């Protein structure tokens, strides 16, 4: 088994409970950890034998562009797409952070983490 981490993916998106959040948008950071079998790729040095990070990033990007009221919903969609697309994934963890959330005070970020 191996661990693949894609960290600090930054997106501007329109997720949030308040109508203003879905109009104005906000910055989000996504961190992804995947536990997968890397043994074949480690031997072959061939992209076809690996979990393609670029393809994974494109899935995250697509899901981040779909407006949602809850970060939990976005994280769940990302995990579902990854499991649907890659049968070698043993475990996935996605953390989505909303920077400077509109919660009435000075808050750096709020984050939701889902694992499966």
Protein backbone atom coordinates (compact mmCIF):
# COMPACT_ATOMS: atom_id res chain seq x y z
CA UNK A 1 0.00 0.00 0.00
CA UNK A 2 0.99 3.59 -0.46
CA UNK A 3 -0.20 7.02 0.53
CA UNK A 4 -0.82 9.70 -2.07
CA UNK A 5 -1.43 13.19 -0.74
CA UNK A 6 -2.49 16.17 -2.81
CA UNK A 7 -2.32 19.16 -0.51
CA UNK A 8 -3.24 22.81 -0.74
CA UNK A 9 -5.45 22.72 -3.83
CA UNK A 10 -6.95 26.21 -3.92
CA UNK A 11 -10.27 27.05 -5.53
CA UNK A 12 -12.60 30.00 -5.74
CA UNK A 13 -16.09 28.59 -5.42
CA UNK A 14 -19.63 29.38 -4.35
CA UNK A 15 -20.44 27.09 -1.43
CA UNK A 16 -22.35 28.23 1.62
CA UNK A 17 -25.63 28.34 3.44
CA UNK A 18 -26.17 32.07 2.94
CA UNK A 19 -27.38 33.39 -0.42
CA UNK A 20 -24.54 35.93 -0.44
CA UNK A 21 -21.97 33.12 -0.28
CA UNK A 22 -23.43 31.56 -3.40
CA UNK A 23 -23.24 34.90 -5.21
CA UNK A 24 -19.97 36.42 -3.98
CA UNK A 25 -18.05 33.17 -3.46
CA UNK A 26 -15.00 32.48 -1.34
CA UNK A 27 -11.59 30.83 -1.35
CA UNK A 28 -11.33 27.16 -0.41
CA UNK A 29 -8.40 24.84 0.23
CA UNK A 30 -8.75 21.10 -0.40
CA UNK A 31 -6.38 18.45 0.95
CA UNK A 32 -6.72 14.88 -0.20
CA UNK A 33 -5.19 11.67 1.13
CA UNK A 34 -5.58 8.38 -0.73
CA UNK A 35 -4.46 4.97 0.47
CA UNK A 36 -3.93 2.83 -2.63
CA UNK A 37 -1.83 0.04 -4.07
CA UNK A 38 1.30 1.64 -5.51
CA UNK A 39 3.33 -1.55 -5.94
CA UNK A 40 2.78 -1.99 -9.68
CA UNK A 41 3.65 1.65 -10.46
CA UNK A 42 6.69 1.46 -8.18
CA UNK A 43 8.05 -1.41 -10.29
CA UNK A 44 6.99 -0.31 -13.78
CA UNK A 45 7.51 3.48 -13.69
CA UNK A 46 4.45 3.64 -15.98
CA UNK A 47 1.60 6.12 -15.48
CA UNK A 48 -0.96 3.54 -16.60
CA UNK A 49 -0.05 1.51 -13.49
CA UNK A 50 -0.49 4.47 -11.13
CA UNK A 51 -3.33 6.50 -9.72
CA UNK A 52 -3.06 9.56 -11.95
CA UNK A 53 -2.82 12.66 -9.73
CA UNK A 54 -3.80 14.98 -12.59
CA UNK A 55 -7.02 13.05 -13.20
CA UNK A 56 -7.76 13.12 -9.46
CA UNK A 57 -7.20 16.90 -9.38
CA UNK A 58 -9.62 17.34 -12.29
CA UNK A 59 -12.31 15.42 -10.36
CA UNK A 60 -11.81 17.64 -7.31
CA UNK A 61 -11.90 20.75 -9.52
CA UNK A 62 -15.15 19.67 -11.21
CA UNK A 63 -16.87 18.99 -7.89
CA UNK A 64 -15.66 22.28 -6.38
CA UNK A 65 -17.36 24.16 -9.24
CA UNK A 66 -20.81 22.76 -8.36
CA UNK A 67 -22.54 25.06 -5.86
CA UNK A 68 -23.48 23.47 -2.56
CA UNK A 69 -24.88 24.71 0.72
CA UNK A 70 -22.64 22.44 2.82
CA UNK A 71 -18.96 21.53 2.68
CA UNK A 72 -19.97 18.05 3.83
CA UNK A 73 -21.92 17.65 0.60
CA UNK A 74 -18.98 18.71 -1.55
CA UNK A 75 -16.59 16.40 0.32
CA UNK A 76 -19.02 13.49 -0.03
CA UNK A 77 -19.33 14.03 -3.78
CA UNK A 78 -15.54 14.11 -4.17
CA UNK A 79 -15.10 10.86 -2.24
CA UNK A 80 -17.89 9.16 -4.19
CA UNK A 81 -16.38 10.17 -7.54
CA UNK A 82 -12.95 8.92 -6.49
CA UNK A 83 -14.28 5.54 -5.39
CA UNK A 84 -16.37 5.27 -8.56
CA UNK A 85 -13.35 6.04 -10.73
CA UNK A 86 -10.55 4.09 -9.03
CA UNK A 87 -10.98 0.56 -7.73
CA UNK A 88 -7.48 0.56 -6.21
CA UNK A 89 -8.40 3.12 -3.52
CA UNK A 90 -8.50 1.46 -0.10
CA UNK A 91 -9.20 4.63 1.88
CA UNK A 92 -9.83 8.26 1.02
CA UNK A 93 -9.82 11.37 3.18
CA UNK A 94 -10.81 14.82 1.94
CA UNK A 95 -10.54 18.03 3.93
CA UNK A 96 -12.19 21.19 2.63
CA UNK A 97 -11.43 24.52 4.31
CA UNK A 98 -13.38 27.72 3.71
CA UNK A 99 -11.11 30.72 4.27
CA UNK A 100 -12.44 33.72 6.20
CA UNK A 101 -15.97 32.33 6.64
CA UNK A 102 -18.74 34.88 7.25
CA UNK A 103 -19.50 33.90 10.84
CA UNK A 104 -19.54 37.29 12.51
CA UNK A 105 -15.96 37.35 13.77
CA UNK A 106 -12.33 37.06 12.76
CA UNK A 107 -11.93 33.38 11.76
CA UNK A 108 -9.08 32.11 9.61
CA UNK A 109 -10.96 29.10 8.28
CA UNK A 110 -13.54 26.45 8.95
CA UNK A 111 -12.88 22.90 7.76
CA UNK A 112 -14.79 19.69 7.16
CA UNK A 113 -13.02 16.34 6.84
CA UNK A 114 -14.66 13.15 5.55
CA UNK A 115 -13.11 9.70 5.30
CA UNK A 116 -14.20 6.47 3.74
